[in-house]
Amino acid sequence: MARFHSPTLAVLLTMTSGLVLPAQAQEVVKIGIIQPLSGPNAQFGTNALHGSEMVVEAINAAGGIKSMGGAKVQLVVADVPSPNAAPAATQRLVSQNEVAGVVGAFISSITLSASEITERAGVPLITFAFADQITERGYDYVFQVTPKGSTFGKDQLGYTVAIGEAAGTEIDKIAILYEDTAYGTAQAAGLRAEADARGIEIVMDEAYPLGITDASALVNKLRASDAEVVFPVSYLNDSLLIIRTMRQQGLTIPAIGGAAGYVIPNFKEGLGDLAENTLSVASAAGDAIPEISAAYEQKYGSFMTHEAVAFAAATDAMIQAIEIAGTDDPDAVRDALDALEYCEGFAKGMPGGCINFDENGHNAVTYPIMVQWRGDEPVTVYPPSDATTDPIWTLEPTQ
């Protein structure tokens, strides 16, 4: 099977310097992008879009789609800030543009809504979003590059127990706080199942509405629960509010983040020193691909977040499928994705280092990692096979 060679660091650095290489494309291949580029989750969508842009710029600079005579890749971007906006925006995207496929979205509920449209249109969609049901509905055109939300929850707890045990701490009682969207409920289910399997008592299991403005009631209930560790699963604004309220009230038990709001630059910007040593599960980290990550930081001015890595890998996978198919026909691209085994380029940034979709369209190779804030960015600390440094574990008593 044909494979497109991944761009070299030299190409990436040329790209980030602002130089534009001459293009002799015979045609343009369009890939649709759906992301929340406005509204409360705009930073996630922007980071994700940056990952996709970086791949396209690098591949175009390296000669485009070889099997299509050097055709250049063009992103057609739709801002989809909410699930309610997804059907109409996605319909416009696929009906008004001859896209080979769609990449997006960061938010699980947006992805679930958008994928109804892409499935009916027969256009492949690759997402980073976590919700289990994304690839459990029997759809033929939906692909998921990251682990499922329940797997994130399982490993969020399992990795924490392992790190704690290595430091001499046994965890017996935990609290689960989660926002009540598709992402939060899926990950909480994984946490719940893993706690049950390990015989760990869940002393607080609390859903809350997305976008809370006061976390005092949650934190008061958490304090009264006598939990030794809390697992909050939340987007940015909620993550900042929960951690800040905990620390301001002197509640110092470890809070192990559920990705999303816990692993982007805004988390440190919003919390300052309170962010230091915070652990969180994540789908990827830039320290797995240091040269690409450095080029990303040079171009965009921040570290490469896990959504930037994963959506770069998703976009790269879509382009590899087009390269293999030798056409931008969505059905042919879908079939190429179904058979894809890709372990080069931006796919190396995913844990497991490859993209290989199973019969349900889920990347069977990848798994979550645990990252920890050290200074201005999170670094990989678990599992040991992926870690770039050792975890720091502190378990302080409730004050």
Protein backbone atom coordinates (compact mmCIF):
# COMPACT_ATOMS: atom_id res chain seq x y z
CA MET A 1 0.00 0.00 0.00
CA ALA A 2 1.29 3.45 -0.85
CA ARG A 3 2.42 5.66 1.99
CA PHE A 4 3.16 9.38 2.04
CA HIS A 5 6.50 10.21 3.63
CA SER A 6 6.18 12.37 6.72
CA PRO A 7 7.52 15.94 6.55
CA THR A 8 11.00 16.48 7.90
CA LEU A 9 11.91 18.91 10.65
CA ALA A 10 13.55 21.10 8.02
CA VAL A 11 10.23 21.40 6.20
CA LEU A 12 8.44 22.21 9.44
CA LEU A 13 10.95 24.89 10.37
CA THR A 14 10.75 26.38 6.89
CA MET A 15 7.00 26.45 7.26
CA THR A 16 7.13 28.25 10.60
CA SER A 17 9.60 30.83 9.32
CA GLY A 18 6.94 32.28 7.01
CA LEU A 19 8.60 31.22 3.75
CA VAL A 20 6.19 29.95 1.10
CA LEU A 21 7.47 27.32 -1.29
CA PRO A 22 6.27 27.49 -4.90
CA ALA A 23 3.33 25.22 -5.65
CA GLN A 24 2.48 23.63 -8.99
CA ALA A 25 -0.67 21.86 -7.85
CA GLN A 26 -2.83 20.35 -10.56
CA GLU A 27 -5.86 20.54 -8.31
CA VAL A 28 -6.96 21.15 -4.73
CA VAL A 29 -8.21 18.51 -2.30
CA LYS A 30 -10.58 19.88 0.35
CA ILE A 31 -10.87 18.64 3.93
CA GLY A 32 -13.64 20.03 6.11
CA ILE A 33 -12.93 21.19 9.65
CA ILE A 34 -15.60 21.59 12.34
CA GLN A 35 -14.44 23.11 15.63
CA PRO A 36 -15.78 25.43 18.34
CA LEU A 37 -13.87 28.57 17.35
CA SER A 38 -16.15 30.89 19.31
CA GLY A 39 -17.94 30.56 22.63
CA PRO A 40 -16.65 29.07 25.90
CA ASN A 41 -14.66 26.26 24.24
CA ALA A 42 -13.00 28.42 21.58
CA GLN A 43 -9.49 27.87 22.93
CA PHE A 44 -9.82 24.10 22.53
CA GLY A 45 -11.10 24.51 18.98
CA THR A 46 -8.35 26.97 18.11
CA ASN A 47 -5.63 24.66 19.43
CA ALA A 48 -7.15 21.79 17.46
CA LEU A 49 -7.31 23.87 14.28
CA HIS A 50 -3.67 24.84 14.71
CA GLY A 51 -2.73 21.16 14.77
CA SER A 52 -4.63 20.56 11.52
CA GLU A 53 -3.13 23.66 9.90
CA MET A 54 0.39 22.60 10.78
CA VAL A 55 -0.04 19.23 9.06
CA VAL A 56 -1.55 20.73 5.91
CA GLU A 57 1.12 23.42 5.60
CA ALA A 58 3.91 20.88 6.07
CA ILE A 59 2.47 18.38 3.59
CA ASN A 60 1.76 21.03 0.99
CA ALA A 61 5.31 22.35 1.38
CA ALA A 62 6.60 18.80 0.89
CA GLY A 63 4.80 18.40 -2.44
CA GLY A 64 1.14 17.78 -1.68
CA ILE A 65 -0.72 14.57 -2.53
CA LYS A 66 1.74 12.63 -4.67
CA SER A 67 -0.80 10.12 -5.99
CA MET A 68 -2.91 13.01 -7.28
CA GLY A 69 -0.11 14.78 -9.12
CA GLY A 70 0.93 17.00 -6.22
CA ALA A 71 -2.57 18.28 -5.40
CA LYS A 72 -2.55 20.71 -2.51
CA VAL A 73 -4.70 20.21 0.57
CA GLN A 74 -7.11 23.00 1.50
CA LEU A 75 -8.96 23.22 4.81
CA VAL A 76 -12.57 24.41 4.70
CA VAL A 77 -13.32 25.56 8.24
CA ALA A 78 -16.70 25.83 9.99
CA ASP A 79 -17.10 27.38 13.43
CA VAL A 80 -19.49 25.16 15.41
CA PRO A 81 -19.68 26.53 18.97
CA SER A 82 -22.50 24.28 20.21
CA PRO A 83 -24.25 20.96 19.48
CA ASN A 84 -27.36 22.81 18.31
CA ALA A 85 -25.32 24.57 15.62
CA ALA A 86 -23.70 21.38 14.36
CA PRO A 87 -26.34 19.94 11.99
CA ALA A 88 -26.82 23.07 9.87
CA ALA A 89 -23.13 24.00 9.84
CA THR A 90 -22.05 20.47 8.93
CA GLN A 91 -24.73 20.20 6.23
CA ARG A 92 -23.51 23.44 4.66
CA LEU A 93 -19.93 22.22 4.83
CA VAL A 94 -20.52 18.93 3.03
CA SER A 95 -23.14 20.15 0.55
CA GLN A 96 -21.44 23.37 -0.58
CA ASN A 97 -17.88 22.00 -0.76
CA GLU A 98 -16.57 18.87 -2.39
CA VAL A 99 -14.75 17.68 0.74
CA ALA A 100 -12.95 14.36 0.79
CA GLY A 101 -13.62 14.08 4.51
CA VAL A 102 -14.23 16.02 7.70
CA VAL A 103 -12.03 16.38 10.78
CA GLY A 104 -13.58 17.44 14.11
CA ALA A 105 -14.80 18.28 16.62
CA PHE A 106 -13.15 18.70 19.99
CA ILE A 107 -16.45 18.52 21.88
CA SER A 108 -18.11 15.08 22.05
CA SER A 109 -21.66 16.42 21.90
CA ILE A 110 -20.82 18.49 18.81
CA THR A 111 -19.18 15.47 17.20
CA LEU A 112 -22.19 13.25 17.89
CA SER A 113 -24.50 15.78 16.27
CA ALA A 114 -22.23 16.51 13.29
CA SER A 115 -21.58 12.83 12.61
CA GLU A 116 -25.29 12.24 11.99
CA ILE A 117 -24.93 14.54 8.97
CA THR A 118 -21.62 13.17 7.67
CA GLU A 119 -22.88 9.59 7.97
CA ARG A 120 -26.00 10.33 5.90
CA ALA A 121 -23.88 12.20 3.36
CA GLY A 122 -21.40 9.34 3.08
CA VAL A 123 -18.43 11.53 4.05
CA PRO A 124 -15.77 10.14 6.44
CA LEU A 125 -15.29 12.00 9.71
CA ILE A 126 -12.27 11.61 12.01
CA THR A 127 -12.54 12.94 15.54
CA PHE A 128 -10.57 13.35 18.74
CA ALA A 129 -13.73 13.48 20.91
CA PHE A 130 -13.95 10.91 23.71
CA ALA A 131 -17.58 9.80 24.05
CA ASP A 132 -17.93 6.02 23.73
CA GLN A 133 -21.07 6.22 21.59
CA ILE A 134 -19.23 8.03 18.80
CA THR A 135 -17.95 4.69 17.49
CA GLU A 136 -20.56 2.43 19.09
CA ARG A 137 -23.51 3.30 16.82
CA GLY A 138 -22.55 1.04 13.92
CA TYR A 139 -21.69 3.96 11.64
CA ASP A 140 -19.52 3.27 8.61
CA TYR A 141 -18.01 6.72 8.09
CA VAL A 142 -16.95 7.72 11.63
CA PHE A 143 -13.41 7.25 12.98
CA GLN A 144 -11.96 8.07 16.42
CA VAL A 145 -8.19 8.55 16.89
CA THR A 146 -8.24 8.77 20.70
CA PRO A 147 -9.24 6.29 23.42
CA LYS A 148 -12.88 6.21 24.45
CA GLY A 149 -14.10 8.21 27.41
CA SER A 150 -14.66 5.11 29.54
CA THR A 151 -11.04 4.10 28.89
CA PHE A 152 -9.88 7.56 29.96
CA GLY A 153 -11.83 7.16 33.19
CA LYS A 154 -10.46 3.67 33.80
CA ASP A 155 -6.86 4.79 33.32
CA GLN A 156 -7.39 8.10 35.13
CA LEU A 157 -7.99 6.02 38.25
CA GLY A 158 -5.64 3.13 37.45
CA TYR A 159 -2.65 5.36 36.75
CA THR A 160 -3.35 7.38 39.91
CA VAL A 161 -3.44 4.25 42.05
CA ALA A 162 -0.15 3.06 40.54
CA ILE A 163 1.58 6.40 41.07
CA GLY A 164 0.28 6.59 44.63
CA GLU A 165 1.32 3.03 45.46
CA ALA A 166 4.84 3.68 44.16
CA ALA A 167 5.02 6.57 46.65
CA GLY A 168 3.69 4.41 49.50
CA THR A 169 0.08 5.66 49.42
CA GLU A 170 -2.95 3.37 49.26
CA ILE A 171 -6.15 4.97 47.96
CA ASP A 172 -9.37 3.70 49.53
CA LYS A 173 -11.91 6.50 49.05
CA ILE A 174 -12.43 8.70 46.01
CA ALA A 175 -14.78 11.40 44.74
CA ILE A 176 -15.94 11.82 41.13
CA LEU A 177 -17.10 15.23 39.88
CA TYR A 178 -18.16 15.48 36.24
CA GLU A 179 -19.97 17.86 33.95
CA ASP A 180 -23.11 16.28 32.56
CA THR A 181 -22.34 16.21 28.83
CA ALA A 182 -21.44 13.18 26.69
CA TYR A 183 -17.75 13.60 27.53
CA GLY A 184 -18.22 13.89 31.29
CA THR A 185 -20.71 11.05 31.64
CA ALA A 186 -18.62 8.63 29.54
CA GLN A 187 -15.45 9.29 31.50
CA ALA A 188 -17.24 9.14 34.85
CA ALA A 189 -18.62 5.73 33.86
CA GLY A 190 -15.07 4.50 33.32
CA LEU A 191 -13.94 5.87 36.69
CA ARG A 192 -16.93 4.26 38.39
CA ALA A 193 -16.37 0.84 36.80
CA GLU A 194 -12.66 0.83 37.62
CA ALA A 195 -13.27 1.82 41.23
CA ASP A 196 -15.77 -1.03 41.55
CA ALA A 197 -13.30 -3.49 40.01
CA ARG A 198 -10.59 -2.41 42.46
CA GLY A 199 -12.83 -2.35 45.52
CA ILE A 200 -12.32 1.40 46.01
CA GLU A 201 -15.18 3.22 47.72
CA ILE A 202 -16.77 6.12 45.84
CA VAL A 203 -17.81 8.50 48.61
CA MET A 204 -19.04 11.21 46.24
CA ASP A 205 -20.37 10.77 42.70
CA GLU A 206 -21.68 14.10 41.49
CA ALA A 207 -22.77 15.39 38.09
CA TYR A 208 -23.09 19.12 37.60
CA PRO A 209 -24.31 21.30 34.72
CA LEU A 210 -21.70 22.56 32.29
CA GLY A 211 -20.72 26.17 32.98
CA ILE A 212 -21.25 26.49 36.72
CA THR A 213 -20.54 29.89 38.24
CA ASP A 214 -20.06 28.81 41.86
CA ALA A 215 -18.31 25.62 43.00
CA SER A 216 -18.76 26.21 46.73
CA ALA A 217 -21.56 23.67 47.16
CA LEU A 218 -19.58 20.99 45.29
CA VAL A 219 -16.45 21.66 47.34
CA ASN A 220 -18.36 21.66 50.63
CA LYS A 221 -19.84 18.29 49.74
CA LEU A 222 -16.39 17.07 48.71
CA ARG A 223 -14.91 18.11 52.05
CA ALA A 224 -17.66 16.30 53.96
CA SER A 225 -17.19 13.13 51.87
CA ASP A 226 -13.78 12.32 53.41
CA ALA A 227 -12.43 11.46 49.94
CA GLU A 228 -8.68 10.98 49.70
CA VAL A 229 -8.52 11.91 46.00
CA VAL A 230 -10.96 13.71 43.71
CA PHE A 231 -11.34 13.10 39.98
CA PRO A 232 -12.90 16.17 38.31
CA VAL A 233 -13.89 15.80 34.65
CA SER A 234 -14.52 19.26 33.23
CA TYR A 235 -13.84 21.83 30.56
CA LEU A 236 -11.73 24.94 31.24
CA ASN A 237 -13.96 27.37 33.12
CA ASP A 238 -15.25 24.65 35.42
CA SER A 239 -11.77 23.22 36.01
CA LEU A 240 -10.46 26.62 37.09
CA LEU A 241 -13.42 27.22 39.37
CA ILE A 242 -13.25 23.81 41.05
CA ILE A 243 -9.50 23.83 41.72
CA ARG A 244 -9.43 27.47 42.82
CA THR A 245 -12.35 26.96 45.22
CA MET A 246 -10.78 23.82 46.68
CA ARG A 247 -7.46 25.51 47.35
CA GLN A 248 -8.96 28.75 48.62
CA GLN A 249 -10.96 26.73 51.12
CA GLY A 250 -7.86 24.82 52.21
CA LEU A 251 -8.91 21.50 50.70
CA THR A 252 -5.58 20.08 49.61
CA ILE A 253 -6.37 16.52 48.56
CA PRO A 254 -5.02 15.65 45.09
CA ALA A 255 -7.28 16.56 42.19
CA ILE A 256 -6.57 14.35 39.16
CA GLY A 257 -7.88 16.12 36.08
CA GLY A 258 -9.87 14.48 33.32
CA ALA A 259 -8.00 16.12 30.41
CA ALA A 260 -9.94 18.95 28.66
CA GLY A 261 -9.57 22.01 30.90
CA TYR A 262 -6.64 20.59 32.86
CA VAL A 263 -4.06 20.32 30.08
CA ILE A 264 -4.11 23.60 28.14
CA PRO A 265 -2.10 26.81 28.69
CA ASN A 266 -5.15 28.62 30.07
CA PHE A 267 -5.17 26.29 33.09
CA LYS A 268 -1.79 27.58 34.25
CA GLU A 269 -2.65 31.13 33.24
CA GLY A 270 -5.82 30.99 35.32
CA LEU A 271 -4.38 29.30 38.41
CA GLY A 272 -0.74 30.35 38.51
CA ASP A 273 1.20 28.41 41.16
CA LEU A 274 -1.92 26.42 42.11
CA ALA A 275 -1.49 24.49 38.84
CA GLU A 276 1.98 23.18 39.74
CA ASN A 277 2.18 19.37 40.01
CA THR A 278 -1.48 18.90 39.06
CA LEU A 279 -1.90 15.51 37.42
CA SER A 280 -4.28 14.85 34.54
CA VAL A 281 -5.04 12.11 32.10
CA ALA A 282 -4.50 13.12 28.44
CA SER A 283 -4.75 11.69 24.94
CA ALA A 284 -1.26 12.81 23.90
CA ALA A 285 1.53 15.24 24.75
CA GLY A 286 3.97 17.25 22.69
CA ASP A 287 6.98 15.76 24.47
CA ALA A 288 6.44 12.56 22.45
CA ILE A 289 7.35 14.48 19.26
CA PRO A 290 9.77 17.13 20.56
CA GLU A 291 10.97 18.47 17.20
CA ILE A 292 7.44 18.93 15.85
CA SER A 293 6.34 20.36 19.19
CA ALA A 294 9.17 22.90 19.11
CA ALA A 295 8.15 23.96 15.61
CA TYR A 296 4.54 24.29 16.79
CA GLU A 297 5.59 26.49 19.71
CA GLN A 298 7.68 28.65 17.40
CA LYS A 299 4.69 29.15 15.12
CA TYR A 300 1.85 29.52 17.61
CA GLY A 301 3.57 30.74 20.78
CA SER A 302 2.48 27.98 23.17
CA PHE A 303 3.23 24.34 23.87
CA MET A 304 1.52 21.75 21.69
CA THR A 305 -1.60 20.69 23.58
CA HIS A 306 -3.03 17.19 23.45
CA GLU A 307 -5.88 18.32 21.20
CA ALA A 308 -3.37 19.92 18.82
CA VAL A 309 -1.36 16.68 18.70
CA ALA A 310 -4.42 14.46 18.26
CA PHE A 311 -6.09 16.61 15.60
CA ALA A 312 -2.78 16.87 13.78
CA ALA A 313 -2.69 13.07 13.80
CA ALA A 314 -6.34 12.91 12.67
CA THR A 315 -5.69 15.31 9.78
CA ASP A 316 -2.54 13.43 8.83
CA ALA A 317 -4.54 10.17 8.80
CA MET A 318 -7.14 11.72 6.49
CA ILE A 319 -4.41 12.90 4.12
CA GLN A 320 -2.72 9.48 4.16
CA ALA A 321 -6.05 7.89 3.21
CA ILE A 322 -6.43 10.32 0.30
CA GLU A 323 -2.86 9.53 -0.76
CA ILE A 324 -3.59 5.79 -0.68
CA ALA A 325 -6.92 6.16 -2.47
CA GLY A 326 -5.43 8.39 -5.16
CA THR A 327 -8.69 10.32 -5.23
CA ASP A 328 -10.75 12.65 -3.07
CA ASP A 329 -13.89 10.55 -3.54
CA PRO A 330 -15.30 10.18 0.01
CA ASP A 331 -16.18 6.50 -0.40
CA ALA A 332 -12.67 5.62 -1.56
CA VAL A 333 -11.17 7.69 1.27
CA ARG A 334 -13.40 5.94 3.78
CA ASP A 335 -12.22 2.52 2.52
CA ALA A 336 -8.59 3.63 2.78
CA LEU A 337 -9.14 4.79 6.35
CA ASP A 338 -10.71 1.47 7.20
CA ALA A 339 -7.53 -0.32 6.13
CA LEU A 340 -5.06 2.33 7.34
CA GLU A 341 -1.97 1.29 9.30
CA TYR A 342 0.03 4.48 9.73
CA CYS A 343 2.96 4.86 12.12
CA GLU A 344 4.78 7.87 10.69
CA GLY A 345 4.49 11.65 10.71
CA PHE A 346 2.13 13.17 13.25
CA ALA A 347 0.74 9.74 14.18
CA LYS A 348 3.92 9.25 16.22
CA GLY A 349 2.57 11.83 18.65
CA MET A 350 -0.24 9.51 19.74
CA PRO A 351 0.49 7.00 22.52
CA GLY A 352 1.21 3.75 20.74
CA GLY A 353 2.74 5.70 17.86
CA CYS A 354 0.26 4.52 15.22
CA ILE A 355 -3.23 4.91 13.81
CA ASN A 356 -5.02 1.67 12.92
CA PHE A 357 -8.81 1.69 13.06
CA ASP A 358 -10.75 -1.40 14.18
CA GLU A 359 -14.04 -2.65 12.78
CA ASN A 360 -15.92 0.08 14.66
CA GLY A 361 -13.68 2.90 13.45
CA HIS A 362 -11.81 3.26 16.75
CA ASN A 363 -8.01 3.57 16.84
CA ALA A 364 -7.15 0.20 18.37
CA VAL A 365 -3.50 1.09 19.01
CA THR A 366 -3.65 4.12 21.26
CA TYR A 367 -4.18 4.55 25.03
CA PRO A 368 -4.31 7.42 27.55
CA ILE A 369 -1.28 8.89 29.28
CA MET A 370 -0.88 10.83 32.53
CA VAL A 371 0.69 14.28 32.45
CA GLN A 372 1.75 16.59 35.27
CA TRP A 373 2.20 20.34 35.32
CA ARG A 374 5.84 21.36 35.70
CA GLY A 375 6.37 25.05 35.25
CA ASP A 376 4.68 26.35 32.11
CA GLU A 377 3.51 23.06 30.60
CA PRO A 378 2.42 19.51 31.41
CA VAL A 379 4.88 16.67 30.80
CA THR A 380 4.27 12.93 30.47
CA VAL A 381 4.81 11.01 33.72
CA TYR A 382 2.89 7.74 33.17
CA PRO A 383 2.91 4.99 31.99
CA PRO A 384 6.68 4.44 32.33
CA SER A 385 7.00 3.47 28.65
CA ASP A 386 5.86 6.97 27.64
CA ALA A 387 7.14 9.05 30.56
CA THR A 388 9.71 11.76 29.95
CA THR A 389 10.12 12.34 33.71
CA ASP A 390 9.03 10.73 36.98
CA PRO A 391 5.73 11.68 38.62
CA ILE A 392 5.65 13.70 41.83
CA TRP A 393 3.05 12.42 44.30
CA THR A 394 1.90 14.40 47.29
CA LEU A 395 -1.06 13.42 49.43
CA GLU A 396 -1.83 16.08 51.98
CA PRO A 397 -4.54 15.81 54.64
CA THR A 398 -7.77 17.77 54.40
CA GLN A 399 -7.45 20.98 56.37
